[in-house]
Protein backbone atom coordinates (compact mmCIF):
# COMPACT_ATOMS: atom_id res chain seq x y z
CA MET A 1 -65.42 11.83 24.00
CA SER A 2 -64.69 13.45 27.18
CA ARG A 3 -66.89 15.88 28.91
CA CYS A 4 -64.90 19.00 28.21
CA SER A 5 -64.47 18.24 24.53
CA PHE A 6 -68.13 17.65 24.11
CA PHE A 7 -68.73 21.10 25.96
CA GLY A 8 -66.25 22.80 23.68
CA SER A 9 -68.08 21.40 20.74
CA TYR A 10 -71.41 22.28 22.06
CA ILE A 11 -69.99 26.00 22.53
CA SER A 12 -69.00 25.98 18.74
CA LEU A 13 -72.21 24.67 17.56
CA ARG A 14 -74.18 26.93 19.52
CA ILE A 15 -72.32 29.94 18.46
CA VAL A 16 -72.65 28.80 14.63
CA VAL A 17 -76.50 28.30 15.08
CA LEU A 18 -76.64 31.82 16.53
CA MET A 19 -74.44 33.07 13.65
CA THR A 20 -76.92 31.53 11.08
CA GLN A 21 -79.84 33.36 12.54
CA TYR A 22 -78.26 36.58 11.62
CA GLU A 23 -77.82 36.21 7.58
CA ASP A 24 -77.15 39.91 7.15
CA GLY A 25 -74.10 39.13 9.42
CA ASP A 26 -70.59 40.33 8.60
CA SER A 27 -68.38 37.68 6.94
CA GLN A 28 -65.33 39.20 8.93
CA LEU A 29 -67.28 38.81 12.14
CA ASP A 30 -68.06 35.16 11.08
CA VAL A 31 -64.35 34.41 10.60
CA LYS A 32 -63.61 36.11 13.98
CA VAL A 33 -66.23 34.30 15.85
CA LYS A 34 -65.28 30.94 14.50
CA LYS A 35 -61.58 31.34 15.33
CA ALA A 36 -62.52 32.56 18.82
CA THR A 37 -64.60 29.40 19.48
CA GLU A 38 -61.89 27.21 17.98
CA ARG A 39 -59.60 28.51 20.43
CA ILE A 40 -61.78 28.17 23.35
CA SER A 41 -62.70 24.54 22.39
CA GLU A 42 -59.04 23.84 21.81
CA ASN A 43 -58.10 25.16 25.49
CA ILE A 44 -61.01 23.47 27.10
CA HIS A 45 -59.63 20.13 25.35
CA ILE A 46 -55.98 21.00 26.42
CA VAL A 47 -57.05 21.54 29.91
CA ALA A 48 -59.19 18.49 30.18
CA ASN A 49 -56.75 16.23 28.89
CA GLU A 50 -53.63 17.58 30.16
CA PRO A 51 -53.39 17.31 34.04
CA SER A 52 -49.69 18.17 33.92
CA LEU A 53 -50.53 21.49 32.84
CA ALA A 54 -51.79 22.28 36.44
CA PHE A 55 -48.64 21.02 37.62
CA TYR A 56 -46.68 23.20 35.26
CA ARG A 57 -48.64 26.15 36.48
CA LEU A 58 -47.75 25.16 40.17
CA GLN A 59 -44.17 24.76 39.21
CA GLU A 60 -44.01 28.13 37.51
CA HIS A 61 -45.58 29.82 40.56
CA VAL A 62 -43.16 28.16 42.77
CA ARG A 63 -40.19 29.04 40.56
CA LYS A 64 -40.99 32.84 40.80
CA ALA A 65 -42.05 32.92 44.34
CA LEU A 66 -39.45 30.85 46.04
CA PRO A 67 -36.42 32.87 45.57
CA PRO A 68 -37.76 36.15 47.16
CA MET A 69 -39.28 33.97 50.22
CA VAL A 70 -35.78 32.37 50.59
CA GLU A 71 -34.04 35.85 50.41
CA LYS A 72 -36.54 37.22 52.97
CA ARG A 73 -36.01 34.10 55.32
CA VAL A 74 -32.16 34.60 55.16
CA GLU A 75 -32.72 38.36 56.02
CA VAL A 76 -34.92 37.49 59.00
CA THR A 77 -32.39 34.98 60.19
CA LYS A 78 -29.56 37.53 59.90
CA LEU A 79 -31.71 40.20 61.88
CA HIS A 80 -32.58 37.52 64.39
CA HIS A 81 -28.77 36.95 65.19
CA GLU A 82 -28.17 40.59 65.36
CA LEU A 83 -31.12 41.14 67.70
CA GLN A 84 -29.95 38.13 69.89
CA GLY A 85 -26.43 39.76 70.13
CA ARG A 86 -27.93 43.09 71.17
CA CYS A 87 -30.04 41.27 73.69
CA TYR A 88 -26.92 39.81 75.09
CA ASP A 89 -25.20 43.19 75.21
CA VAL A 90 -28.22 44.49 77.05
CA GLU A 91 -28.43 41.75 79.58
CA TYR A 92 -24.74 42.18 80.22
CA ALA A 93 -25.05 46.04 80.83
CA VAL A 94 -27.91 45.32 83.19
CA ARG A 95 -25.61 42.68 85.19
CA THR A 96 -22.91 45.16 85.33
CA LYS A 97 -25.25 47.97 86.31
CA GLU A 98 -26.77 45.62 89.12
CA SER A 99 -23.12 44.55 90.16
CA THR A 100 -22.07 48.15 90.83
CA SER A 101 -22.37 48.31 94.74
CA VAL A 102 -24.50 51.02 96.46
CA TYR A 103 -21.31 51.35 98.69
CA LYS A 104 -19.26 52.41 95.58
CA ARG A 105 -21.60 55.05 94.72
CA LEU A 106 -21.88 55.98 98.47
CA SER A 107 -18.10 56.47 98.78
CA ALA A 108 -17.94 58.73 95.58
CA HIS A 109 -20.79 60.96 97.22
CA ILE A 110 -18.93 60.83 100.70
CA THR A 111 -15.83 62.18 98.77
CA ILE A 112 -17.59 64.84 97.05
CA ASP A 113 -19.94 65.96 100.13
CA LEU A 114 -17.46 65.97 102.87
CA PRO A 115 -14.32 67.67 101.69
CA ASP A 116 -13.89 69.37 104.99
CA LEU A 117 -13.66 66.17 106.88
CA PRO A 118 -11.06 64.05 105.08
CA GLU A 119 -10.68 61.65 108.35
CA LEU A 120 -14.24 60.91 108.43
CA SER A 121 -14.36 60.58 104.49
CA ASP A 122 -11.40 58.13 104.65
CA ALA A 123 -12.95 56.18 107.37
CA LEU A 124 -16.44 55.84 105.82
CA ARG A 125 -14.70 55.07 102.26
CA GLU A 126 -12.46 52.35 103.98
CA THR A 127 -15.69 50.94 105.56
CA ALA A 128 -17.53 50.95 102.25
CA SER A 129 -14.45 49.21 100.54
CA LYS A 130 -14.51 46.45 103.08
CA VAL A 131 -18.27 46.08 102.85
CA GLU A 132 -18.02 45.97 99.30
CA SER A 133 -15.15 43.24 99.21
CA MET A 134 -17.15 41.09 101.58
CA MET A 135 -20.22 41.35 99.31
CA ALA A 136 -17.93 40.48 96.23
CA GLN A 137 -16.58 37.46 98.10
CA ALA A 138 -20.35 36.40 99.03
CA ARG A 139 -21.43 36.68 95.33
CA THR A 140 -18.50 34.78 94.08
CA ALA A 141 -19.27 32.17 96.61
CA SER A 142 -22.84 32.38 95.76
CA LEU A 143 -21.91 31.83 91.97
CA ALA A 144 -19.57 29.01 92.65
CA THR A 145 -22.24 27.16 94.56
CA ASN A 146 -24.69 27.69 91.67
CA ASP A 147 -22.25 26.31 89.30
CA GLY A 148 -21.55 23.49 91.46
CA ASN A 149 -25.47 22.66 91.64
CA SER A 150 -25.85 22.87 87.78
């Protein structure tokens, strides 16, 4: 006899002994108590002799908990890809902004600020354009050497 079945039998016996002490007890109460103790004893016996019951409970828990977890993982992966794309967009915008030369912005201001001196504005714009083209060539050469070293 296993310990759990012994324990269940002990519980049944103890409750029966307590019930016999109260002789004026209700017969319906006796029947209900006896059924309850039998069920408790049966459950203790099942748990003691059925280790697969624990695995069944684990299986049921996994079966219920896994689909929502997988859905959340798919959602997080999708959001990660979207966020990564947006990060690339921001990096591209920052690089574009940084590559916009000060000289281009300066030449736009020169055109606006000096409308009365078209010759000076043209000369400054031409100088800014030449400096800009030299910087673009230097940037291209720098990128080519960086790609060659990689």
